[in-house]
Amino acid sequence: MLDRLQTTTRSGPPSALARNTVIGAILVLVVAGYVATAGGPVLLSNHPLVFIGLSSINRNLALASHDLSSWSYYLVGFLRLMAPDPLFFLLGRWYGDAGVRWLERRSPTYGRLVAQLERWFHQARYPFVLVMPNNPVSLFAGASTMSWGAFLAADVVGTVGRLYLIRRFSEVFEDLLKPIREFISDYRIPLLVVSVVAVVVTIVMEARAGRGQIEDLVHFDEEIEEAVDELEADAAAAVDDDERSAEDVRSVGGDASADGARRDGDGDPGGPSPR
């Protein structure tokens, strides 16, 4: 884990209000993403700015870019992409390794990805924030020793760079993206029905599995306490392992000394030899 001795002893948020405000804001962004996915066919065709305001994932930005002016694309896209990053940075700063463990526990597959990403981040944290300013990386940055200023500077530059590259991509590949937009526009009502059903099914299935995004945030208190308990159990197990290893070393050392003493005795059984 990142800087384990420092991050596992974080004192948490300054108040329950601060924690609930951050979790509530993240929950609003999650719901906004669901709304954008469900209403995407209609929003993309009729309200592209609202579309990227609700969810500025790469696909949405690329599809909507052609119908947006530069200032509206960059302003709304920048604000939406930046919105969750300070929130996840705060969770990392408040909870340290417990926050990282909470993120890992959200699903087996996602957890393995987060663990791998964490190992890479630990080796190049500033380039990671610059190139991949997303939710997990923001949480890792908060859990590490990275300062607010350094994080925000790298985050802003990386976000602007991402928006620029997607804008350029949509311009270069407009011949490919235009037919997709036209298809979505022509069949937006049937696609809207399919999208809504898909989102509802996804939310229900995730809730039943107990691993939905909304479920995780609503029960954040219990989730983070379980993460803390797991870390404490891991730390206790690590101490036990260290003690057993030290005991094994002492035992081996004692056996070696005893063997050496026996060999010395065998080599000189009767004192000095006669001349």
C-alpha atoms as a PDB file:
ATOM      1  CA  MET A   1       0.000   0.000   0.000  1.00  0.00           C
ATOM      2  CA  LEU A   2       1.019   3.622  -0.523  1.00  0.00           C
ATOM      3  CA  ASP A   3       3.297   4.905   2.233  1.00  0.00           C
ATOM      4  CA  ARG A   4       1.726   2.368   4.578  1.00  0.00           C
ATOM      5  CA  LEU A   5       3.088   3.654   7.872  1.00  0.00           C
ATOM      6  CA  GLN A   6       1.684   7.102   7.169  1.00  0.00           C
ATOM      7  CA  THR A   7      -1.593   6.363   5.413  1.00  0.00           C
ATOM      8  CA  THR A   8      -2.973   3.719   7.754  1.00  0.00           C
ATOM      9  CA  THR A   9      -2.988   6.168  10.678  1.00  0.00           C
ATOM     10  CA  ARG A  10      -5.085   8.934   9.060  1.00  0.00           C
ATOM     11  CA  SER A  11      -7.528  10.562  11.456  1.00  0.00           C
ATOM     12  CA  GLY A  12     -10.411  10.757   8.985  1.00  0.00           C
ATOM     13  CA  PRO A  13     -12.524  13.749   7.914  1.00  0.00           C
ATOM     14  CA  PRO A  14     -12.771  16.837  10.140  1.00  0.00           C
ATOM     15  CA  SER A  15     -16.498  16.235  10.706  1.00  0.00           C
ATOM     16  CA  ALA A  16     -19.400  14.027   9.703  1.00  0.00           C
ATOM     17  CA  LEU A  17     -20.808  16.966   7.731  1.00  0.00           C
ATOM     18  CA  ALA A  18     -17.643  17.239   5.649  1.00  0.00           C
ATOM     19  CA  ARG A  19     -17.673  13.508   4.938  1.00  0.00           C
ATOM     20  CA  ASN A  20     -21.362  13.467   4.037  1.00  0.00           C
ATOM     21  CA  THR A  21     -20.931  16.493   1.770  1.00  0.00           C
ATOM     22  CA  VAL A  22     -18.155  14.802  -0.183  1.00  0.00           C
ATOM     23  CA  ILE A  23     -19.986  11.469  -0.429  1.00  0.00           C
ATOM     24  CA  GLY A  24     -23.211  13.263  -1.390  1.00  0.00           C
ATOM     25  CA  ALA A  25     -21.434  15.176  -4.158  1.00  0.00           C
ATOM     26  CA  ILE A  26     -19.925  11.965  -5.537  1.00  0.00           C
ATOM     27  CA  LEU A  27     -23.356  10.330  -5.397  1.00  0.00           C
ATOM     28  CA  VAL A  28     -24.844  13.202  -7.424  1.00  0.00           C
ATOM     29  CA  LEU A  29     -22.146  12.731 -10.078  1.00  0.00           C
ATOM     30  CA  VAL A  30     -22.828   8.990 -10.220  1.00  0.00           C
ATOM     31  CA  VAL A  31     -26.551   9.585 -10.703  1.00  0.00           C
ATOM     32  CA  ALA A  32     -25.771  12.191 -13.369  1.00  0.00           C
ATOM     33  CA  GLY A  33     -23.730   9.573 -15.213  1.00  0.00           C
ATOM     34  CA  TYR A  34     -26.651   7.136 -15.125  1.00  0.00           C
ATOM     35  CA  VAL A  35     -28.977   9.845 -16.450  1.00  0.00           C
ATOM     36  CA  ALA A  36     -26.567  10.617 -19.296  1.00  0.00           C
ATOM     37  CA  THR A  37     -26.352   6.938 -20.218  1.00  0.00           C
ATOM     38  CA  ALA A  38     -30.100   6.392 -20.051  1.00  0.00           C
ATOM     39  CA  GLY A  39     -31.022   9.570 -21.914  1.00  0.00           C
ATOM     40  CA  GLY A  40     -27.965   9.642 -24.142  1.00  0.00           C
ATOM     41  CA  PRO A  41     -29.709   9.154 -27.515  1.00  0.00           C
ATOM     42  CA  VAL A  42     -32.024  12.133 -26.968  1.00  0.00           C
ATOM     43  CA  LEU A  43     -29.515  14.309 -25.121  1.00  0.00           C
ATOM     44  CA  LEU A  44     -26.820  13.865 -27.751  1.00  0.00           C
ATOM     45  CA  SER A  45     -29.218  14.828 -30.550  1.00  0.00           C
ATOM     46  CA  ASN A  46     -31.051  17.703 -28.856  1.00  0.00           C
ATOM     47  CA  HIS A  47     -28.914  18.887 -25.916  1.00  0.00           C
ATOM     48  CA  PRO A  48     -25.254  17.968 -26.472  1.00  0.00           C
ATOM     49  CA  LEU A  49     -24.001  20.470 -23.895  1.00  0.00           C
ATOM     50  CA  VAL A  50     -26.241  18.991 -21.205  1.00  0.00           C
ATOM     51  CA  PHE A  51     -25.073  15.567 -22.359  1.00  0.00           C
ATOM     52  CA  ILE A  52     -21.393  16.224 -21.610  1.00  0.00           C
ATOM     53  CA  GLY A  53     -22.345  18.195 -18.498  1.00  0.00           C
ATOM     54  CA  LEU A  54     -23.921  15.067 -17.079  1.00  0.00           C
ATOM     55  CA  SER A  55     -21.124  12.732 -18.163  1.00  0.00           C
ATOM     56  CA  SER A  56     -17.871  13.710 -19.861  1.00  0.00           C
ATOM     57  CA  ILE A  57     -16.484  10.286 -20.601  1.00  0.00           C
ATOM     58  CA  ASN A  58     -14.367  10.090 -23.741  1.00  0.00           C
ATOM     59  CA  ARG A  59     -17.122   8.614 -25.906  1.00  0.00           C
ATOM     60  CA  ASN A  60     -19.593  11.361 -25.017  1.00  0.00           C
ATOM     61  CA  LEU A  61     -17.055  14.114 -25.594  1.00  0.00           C
ATOM     62  CA  ALA A  62     -16.047  12.749 -29.001  1.00  0.00           C
ATOM     63  CA  LEU A  63     -19.639  12.378 -30.203  1.00  0.00           C
ATOM     64  CA  ALA A  64     -20.821  15.783 -28.944  1.00  0.00           C
ATOM     65  CA  SER A  65     -17.756  17.825 -29.865  1.00  0.00           C
ATOM     66  CA  HIS A  66     -18.856  18.571 -33.454  1.00  0.00           C
ATOM     67  CA  ASP A  67     -22.077  20.284 -32.319  1.00  0.00           C
ATOM     68  CA  LEU A  68     -20.433  22.424 -29.629  1.00  0.00           C
ATOM     69  CA  SER A  69     -18.464  25.634 -29.843  1.00  0.00           C
ATOM     70  CA  SER A  70     -14.918  25.531 -28.562  1.00  0.00           C
ATOM     71  CA  TRP A  71     -15.617  27.596 -25.455  1.00  0.00           C
ATOM     72  CA  SER A  72     -18.666  25.562 -24.415  1.00  0.00           C
ATOM     73  CA  TYR A  73     -16.912  22.258 -25.096  1.00  0.00           C
ATOM     74  CA  TYR A  74     -13.833  23.174 -23.077  1.00  0.00           C
ATOM     75  CA  LEU A  75     -15.648  24.976 -20.247  1.00  0.00           C
ATOM     76  CA  VAL A  76     -18.345  22.389 -19.521  1.00  0.00           C
ATOM     77  CA  GLY A  77     -16.070  19.440 -20.300  1.00  0.00           C
ATOM     78  CA  PHE A  78     -13.364  20.793 -17.998  1.00  0.00           C
ATOM     79  CA  LEU A  79     -15.734  21.444 -15.099  1.00  0.00           C
ATOM     80  CA  ARG A  80     -17.373  18.016 -15.387  1.00  0.00           C
ATOM     81  CA  LEU A  81     -14.083  16.130 -15.671  1.00  0.00           C
ATOM     82  CA  MET A  82     -12.538  18.029 -12.766  1.00  0.00           C
ATOM     83  CA  ALA A  83     -15.584  17.775 -10.485  1.00  0.00           C
ATOM     84  CA  PRO A  84     -14.914  14.337  -8.905  1.00  0.00           C
ATOM     85  CA  ASP A  85     -11.123  14.599  -8.667  1.00  0.00           C
ATOM     86  CA  PRO A  86     -10.811  16.829  -5.562  1.00  0.00           C
ATOM     87  CA  LEU A  87     -13.534  14.757  -3.897  1.00  0.00           C
ATOM     88  CA  PHE A  88     -11.630  11.497  -4.330  1.00  0.00           C
ATOM     89  CA  PHE A  89      -8.394  13.249  -3.363  1.00  0.00           C
ATOM     90  CA  LEU A  90     -10.066  14.220  -0.076  1.00  0.00           C
ATOM     91  CA  LEU A  91     -11.173  10.642   0.553  1.00  0.00           C
ATOM     92  CA  GLY A  92      -7.602   9.495   0.029  1.00  0.00           C
ATOM     93  CA  ARG A  93      -6.227  12.224   2.290  1.00  0.00           C
ATOM     94  CA  TRP A  94      -8.773  11.496   5.036  1.00  0.00           C
ATOM     95  CA  TYR A  95      -8.710   7.696   4.983  1.00  0.00           C
ATOM     96  CA  GLY A  96      -5.357   6.752   3.454  1.00  0.00           C
ATOM     97  CA  ASP A  97      -4.989   3.031   2.839  1.00  0.00           C
ATOM     98  CA  ALA A  98      -8.511   2.410   4.103  1.00  0.00           C
ATOM     99  CA  GLY A  99      -9.814   4.519   1.237  1.00  0.00           C
ATOM    100  CA  VAL A 100      -7.735   2.538  -1.234  1.00  0.00           C
ATOM    101  CA  ARG A 101      -8.987  -0.729   0.268  1.00  0.00           C
ATOM    102  CA  TRP A 102     -12.587   0.540   0.004  1.00  0.00           C
ATOM    103  CA  LEU A 103     -12.016   1.162  -3.689  1.00  0.00           C
ATOM    104  CA  GLU A 104     -10.479  -2.289  -4.164  1.00  0.00           C
ATOM    105  CA  ARG A 105     -13.389  -4.048  -2.454  1.00  0.00           C
ATOM    106  CA  ARG A 106     -16.024  -2.767  -4.888  1.00  0.00           C
ATOM    107  CA  SER A 107     -15.710  -5.881  -7.086  1.00  0.00           C
ATOM    108  CA  PRO A 108     -13.166  -8.687  -7.592  1.00  0.00           C
ATOM    109  CA  THR A 109     -12.272  -7.592 -11.136  1.00  0.00           C
ATOM    110  CA  TYR A 110     -12.276  -3.888 -10.348  1.00  0.00           C
ATOM    111  CA  GLY A 111     -10.310  -4.539  -7.187  1.00  0.00           C
ATOM    112  CA  ARG A 112      -7.519  -6.314  -9.054  1.00  0.00           C
ATOM    113  CA  LEU A 113      -7.358  -3.447 -11.537  1.00  0.00           C
ATOM    114  CA  VAL A 114      -7.169  -0.891  -8.732  1.00  0.00           C
ATOM    115  CA  ALA A 115      -4.422  -2.865  -6.976  1.00  0.00           C
ATOM    116  CA  GLN A 116      -2.365  -3.018 -10.174  1.00  0.00           C
ATOM    117  CA  LEU A 117      -2.940   0.658 -10.881  1.00  0.00           C
ATOM    118  CA  GLU A 118      -1.861   1.489  -7.342  1.00  0.00           C
ATOM    119  CA  ARG A 119       1.456  -0.325  -7.784  1.00  0.00           C
ATOM    120  CA  TRP A 120       2.161   1.603 -10.968  1.00  0.00           C
ATOM    121  CA  PHE A 121       1.099   4.889  -9.404  1.00  0.00           C
ATOM    122  CA  HIS A 122       3.512   4.415  -6.518  1.00  0.00           C
ATOM    123  CA  GLN A 123       6.401   4.361  -9.025  1.00  0.00           C
ATOM    124  CA  ALA A 124       5.368   7.465 -11.025  1.00  0.00           C
ATOM    125  CA  ARG A 125       2.684   9.432  -9.210  1.00  0.00           C
ATOM    126  CA  TYR A 126       3.042  12.806 -10.932  1.00  0.00           C
ATOM    127  CA  PRO A 127       3.021  11.428 -14.499  1.00  0.00           C
ATOM    128  CA  PHE A 128       0.008   9.290 -13.559  1.00  0.00           C
ATOM    129  CA  VAL A 129      -2.024  12.299 -12.406  1.00  0.00           C
ATOM    130  CA  LEU A 130      -0.961  14.143 -15.543  1.00  0.00           C
ATOM    131  CA  VAL A 131      -1.848  11.341 -17.960  1.00  0.00           C
ATOM    132  CA  MET A 132      -4.719   9.616 -16.112  1.00  0.00           C
ATOM    133  CA  PRO A 133      -6.529  12.150 -13.904  1.00  0.00           C
ATOM    134  CA  ASN A 134      -9.392   9.835 -12.956  1.00  0.00           C
ATOM    135  CA  ASN A 135     -11.126   8.798  -9.725  1.00  0.00           C
ATOM    136  CA  PRO A 136      -8.756   6.019  -8.548  1.00  0.00           C
ATOM    137  CA  VAL A 137      -5.651   8.041  -9.376  1.00  0.00           C
ATOM    138  CA  SER A 138      -7.057  11.044  -7.504  1.00  0.00           C
ATOM    139  CA  LEU A 139      -7.679   8.847  -4.461  1.00  0.00           C
ATOM    140  CA  PHE A 140      -4.150   7.402  -4.688  1.00  0.00           C
ATOM    141  CA  ALA A 141      -2.757  10.940  -4.844  1.00  0.00           C
ATOM    142  CA  GLY A 142      -4.625  11.893  -1.688  1.00  0.00           C
ATOM    143  CA  ALA A 143      -3.467   8.744   0.098  1.00  0.00           C
ATOM    144  CA  SER A 144       0.138   9.494  -0.843  1.00  0.00           C
ATOM    145  CA  THR A 145       2.317  12.430   0.225  1.00  0.00           C
ATOM    146  CA  MET A 146       1.401  14.507  -2.841  1.00  0.00           C
ATOM    147  CA  SER A 147       0.456  18.072  -1.961  1.00  0.00           C
ATOM    148  CA  TRP A 148      -2.803  19.750  -2.951  1.00  0.00           C
ATOM    149  CA  GLY A 149      -0.957  22.214  -5.184  1.00  0.00           C
ATOM    150  CA  ALA A 150       0.990  19.576  -7.075  1.00  0.00           C
ATOM    151  CA  PHE A 151      -2.119  17.438  -7.507  1.00  0.00           C
ATOM    152  CA  LEU A 152      -4.281  20.275  -8.821  1.00  0.00           C
ATOM    153  CA  ALA A 153      -1.560  21.512 -11.180  1.00  0.00           C
ATOM    154  CA  ALA A 154      -1.054  18.072 -12.726  1.00  0.00           C
ATOM    155  CA  ASP A 155      -4.812  17.435 -12.763  1.00  0.00           C
ATOM    156  CA  VAL A 156      -5.623  20.688 -14.577  1.00  0.00           C
ATOM    157  CA  VAL A 157      -2.902  20.214 -17.189  1.00  0.00           C
ATOM    158  CA  GLY A 158      -3.872  16.575 -17.748  1.00  0.00           C
ATOM    159  CA  THR A 159      -7.582  17.401 -18.049  1.00  0.00           C
ATOM    160  CA  VAL A 160      -7.025  20.208 -20.546  1.00  0.00           C
ATOM    161  CA  GLY A 161      -4.728  17.929 -22.548  1.00  0.00           C
ATOM    162  CA  ARG A 162      -7.349  15.192 -22.570  1.00  0.00           C
ATOM    163  CA  LEU A 163     -10.028  17.591 -23.813  1.00  0.00           C
ATOM    164  CA  TYR A 164      -7.734  18.879 -26.553  1.00  0.00           C
ATOM    165  CA  LEU A 165      -6.834  15.398 -27.798  1.00  0.00           C
ATOM    166  CA  ILE A 166     -10.482  14.316 -27.893  1.00  0.00           C
ATOM    167  CA  ARG A 167     -11.427  17.508 -29.746  1.00  0.00           C
ATOM    168  CA  ARG A 168      -8.732  16.852 -32.312  1.00  0.00           C
ATOM    169  CA  PHE A 169      -9.778  13.202 -32.582  1.00  0.00           C
ATOM    170  CA  SER A 170     -13.376  14.167 -33.313  1.00  0.00           C
ATOM    171  CA  GLU A 171     -12.205  16.593 -36.009  1.00  0.00           C
ATOM    172  CA  VAL A 172      -9.911  14.084 -37.688  1.00  0.00           C
ATOM    173  CA  PHE A 173     -12.447  11.247 -37.603  1.00  0.00           C
ATOM    174  CA  GLU A 174     -15.568  13.299 -38.289  1.00  0.00           C
ATOM    175  CA  ASP A 175     -16.331  11.167 -41.357  1.00  0.00           C
ATOM    176  CA  LEU A 176     -16.649   8.155 -39.045  1.00  0.00           C
ATOM    177  CA  LEU A 177     -18.456   9.886 -36.180  1.00  0.00           C
ATOM    178  CA  LYS A 178     -21.059  11.678 -38.320  1.00  0.00           C
ATOM    179  CA  PRO A 179     -22.884   8.487 -39.440  1.00  0.00           C
ATOM    180  CA  ILE A 180     -22.975   7.339 -35.803  1.00  0.00           C
ATOM    181  CA  ARG A 181     -24.584  10.604 -34.693  1.00  0.00           C
ATOM    182  CA  GLU A 182     -27.067  10.454 -37.564  1.00  0.00           C
ATOM    183  CA  PHE A 183     -28.029   6.879 -36.692  1.00  0.00           C
ATOM    184  CA  ILE A 184     -28.538   7.834 -33.045  1.00  0.00           C
ATOM    185  CA  SER A 185     -30.620  10.838 -34.085  1.00  0.00           C
ATOM    186  CA  ASP A 186     -32.804   8.849 -36.496  1.00  0.00           C
ATOM    187  CA  TYR A 187     -33.523   6.104 -33.965  1.00  0.00           C
ATOM    188  CA  ARG A 188     -33.226   8.089 -30.740  1.00  0.00           C
ATOM    189  CA  ILE A 189     -36.609   7.009 -29.327  1.00  0.00           C
ATOM    190  CA  PRO A 190     -36.059   3.233 -29.690  1.00  0.00           C
ATOM    191  CA  LEU A 191     -32.474   3.699 -28.505  1.00  0.00           C
ATOM    192  CA  LEU A 192     -33.744   5.736 -25.559  1.00  0.00           C
ATOM    193  CA  VAL A 193     -36.000   2.869 -24.488  1.00  0.00           C
ATOM    194  CA  VAL A 194     -33.143   0.384 -24.783  1.00  0.00           C
ATOM    195  CA  SER A 195     -30.786   2.662 -22.847  1.00  0.00           C
ATOM    196  CA  VAL A 196     -33.243   3.242 -20.018  1.00  0.00           C
ATOM    197  CA  VAL A 197     -33.940  -0.480 -19.678  1.00  0.00           C
ATOM    198  CA  ALA A 198     -30.225  -1.265 -19.719  1.00  0.00           C
ATOM    199  CA  VAL A 199     -29.452   1.278 -16.998  1.00  0.00           C
ATOM    200  CA  VAL A 200     -32.320   0.090 -14.789  1.00  0.00           C
ATOM    201  CA  VAL A 201     -31.259  -3.545 -15.177  1.00  0.00           C
ATOM    202  CA  THR A 202     -27.664  -2.640 -14.383  1.00  0.00           C
ATOM    203  CA  ILE A 203     -28.618  -0.749 -11.220  1.00  0.00           C
ATOM    204  CA  VAL A 204     -30.898  -3.558 -10.028  1.00  0.00           C
ATOM    205  CA  MET A 205     -28.330  -6.279 -10.668  1.00  0.00           C
ATOM    206  CA  GLU A 206     -25.584  -4.305  -8.940  1.00  0.00           C
ATOM    207  CA  ALA A 207     -27.854  -3.654  -5.965  1.00  0.00           C
ATOM    208  CA  ARG A 208     -28.689  -7.353  -5.656  1.00  0.00           C
ATOM    209  CA  ALA A 209     -25.002  -8.204  -5.789  1.00  0.00           C
ATOM    210  CA  GLY A 210     -24.330  -5.560  -3.133  1.00  0.00           C
ATOM    211  CA  ARG A 211     -21.622  -3.958  -5.262  1.00  0.00           C
ATOM    212  CA  GLY A 212     -23.348  -1.091  -7.043  1.00  0.00           C
ATOM    213  CA  GLN A 213     -21.851   2.385  -7.138  1.00  0.00           C
ATOM    214  CA  ILE A 214     -24.867   3.883  -5.396  1.00  0.00           C
ATOM    215  CA  GLU A 215     -24.926   1.058  -2.845  1.00  0.00           C
ATOM    216  CA  ASP A 216     -21.246   1.587  -2.018  1.00  0.00           C
ATOM    217  CA  LEU A 217     -21.717   5.305  -1.452  1.00  0.00           C
ATOM    218  CA  VAL A 218     -24.948   5.030   0.547  1.00  0.00           C
ATOM    219  CA  HIS A 219     -23.262   2.563   2.925  1.00  0.00           C
ATOM    220  CA  PHE A 220     -19.876   4.267   2.867  1.00  0.00           C
ATOM    221  CA  ASP A 221     -19.587   4.367   6.671  1.00  0.00           C
ATOM    222  CA  GLU A 222     -19.923   0.611   7.010  1.00  0.00           C
ATOM    223  CA  GLU A 223     -17.726  -0.020   3.987  1.00  0.00           C
ATOM    224  CA  ILE A 224     -14.876   2.150   5.251  1.00  0.00           C
ATOM    225  CA  GLU A 225     -15.070   0.571   8.734  1.00  0.00           C
ATOM    226  CA  GLU A 226     -14.786  -2.873   7.160  1.00  0.00           C
ATOM    227  CA  ALA A 227     -11.804  -1.645   5.148  1.00  0.00           C
ATOM    228  CA  VAL A 228     -10.137  -0.362   8.338  1.00  0.00           C
ATOM    229  CA  ASP A 229     -10.796  -3.695  10.074  1.00  0.00           C
ATOM    230  CA  GLU A 230      -9.228  -5.572   7.151  1.00  0.00           C
ATOM    231  CA  LEU A 231      -6.133  -3.381   7.261  1.00  0.00           C
ATOM    232  CA  GLU A 232      -5.774  -3.846  11.009  1.00  0.00           C
ATOM    233  CA  ALA A 233      -6.138  -7.602  10.586  1.00  0.00           C
ATOM    234  CA  ASP A 234      -3.532  -7.579   7.820  1.00  0.00           C
ATOM    235  CA  ALA A 235      -1.179  -5.516   9.984  1.00  0.00           C
ATOM    236  CA  ALA A 236      -1.629  -7.891  12.940  1.00  0.00           C
ATOM    237  CA  ALA A 237      -1.005 -10.894  10.692  1.00  0.00           C
ATOM    238  CA  ALA A 238       2.128  -9.223   9.322  1.00  0.00           C
ATOM    239  CA  VAL A 239       3.433  -8.636  12.887  1.00  0.00           C
ATOM    240  CA  ASP A 240       2.761 -12.276  13.767  1.00  0.00           C
ATOM    241  CA  ASP A 241       4.594 -13.407  10.644  1.00  0.00           C
ATOM    242  CA  ASP A 242       7.554 -11.183  11.506  1.00  0.00           C
ATOM    243  CA  GLU A 243       7.664 -12.549  15.046  1.00  0.00           C
ATOM    244  CA  ARG A 244       7.515 -16.144  13.812  1.00  0.00           C
ATOM    245  CA  SER A 245      10.259 -15.418  11.293  1.00  0.00           C
ATOM    246  CA  ALA A 246      12.433 -13.876  13.988  1.00  0.00           C
ATOM    247  CA  GLU A 247      11.790 -16.857  16.254  1.00  0.00           C
ATOM    248  CA  ASP A 248      12.721 -19.228  13.424  1.00  0.00           C
ATOM    249  CA  VAL A 249      15.955 -17.325  12.869  1.00  0.00           C
ATOM    250  CA  ARG A 250      16.798 -17.486  16.573  1.00  0.00           C
ATOM    251  CA  SER A 251      15.970 -21.187  16.632  1.00  0.00           C
ATOM    252  CA  VAL A 252      18.170 -21.882  13.627  1.00  0.00           C
ATOM    253  CA  GLY A 253      20.950 -19.827  15.162  1.00  0.00           C
ATOM    254  CA  GLY A 254      20.661 -21.737  18.436  1.00  0.00           C
ATOM    255  CA  ASP A 255      20.733 -25.094  16.670  1.00  0.00           C
ATOM    256  CA  ALA A 256      23.790 -24.034  14.698  1.00  0.00           C
ATOM    257  CA  SER A 257      25.607 -23.006  17.894  1.00  0.00           C
ATOM    258  CA  ALA A 258      24.758 -26.307  19.563  1.00  0.00           C
ATOM    259  CA  ASP A 259      25.994 -28.249  16.538  1.00  0.00           C
ATOM    260  CA  GLY A 260      29.213 -26.283  16.557  1.00  0.00           C
ATOM    261  CA  ALA A 261      29.750 -26.993  20.235  1.00  0.00           C
ATOM    262  CA  ARG A 262      29.175 -30.721  19.708  1.00  0.00           C
ATOM    263  CA  ARG A 263      31.630 -30.777  16.829  1.00  0.00           C
ATOM    264  CA  ASP A 264      34.263 -29.048  18.973  1.00  0.00           C
ATOM    265  CA  GLY A 265      33.733 -31.605  21.730  1.00  0.00           C
ATOM    266  CA  ASP A 266      34.031 -34.510  19.312  1.00  0.00           C
ATOM    267  CA  GLY A 267      37.329 -33.131  18.012  1.00  0.00           C
ATOM    268  CA  ASP A 268      38.942 -32.987  21.474  1.00  0.00           C
ATOM    269  CA  PRO A 269      37.595 -35.860  23.598  1.00  0.00           C
ATOM    270  CA  GLY A 270      40.485 -36.392  25.993  1.00  0.00           C
ATOM    271  CA  GLY A 271      42.341 -33.175  26.360  1.00  0.00           C
ATOM    272  CA  PRO A 272      45.860 -32.562  24.970  1.00  0.00           C
ATOM    273  CA  SER A 273      47.345 -35.462  23.052  1.00  0.00           C
ATOM    274  CA  PRO A 274      50.620 -37.092  24.297  1.00  0.00           C
ATOM    275  CA  ARG A 275      53.759 -36.319  22.416  1.00  0.00           C
END
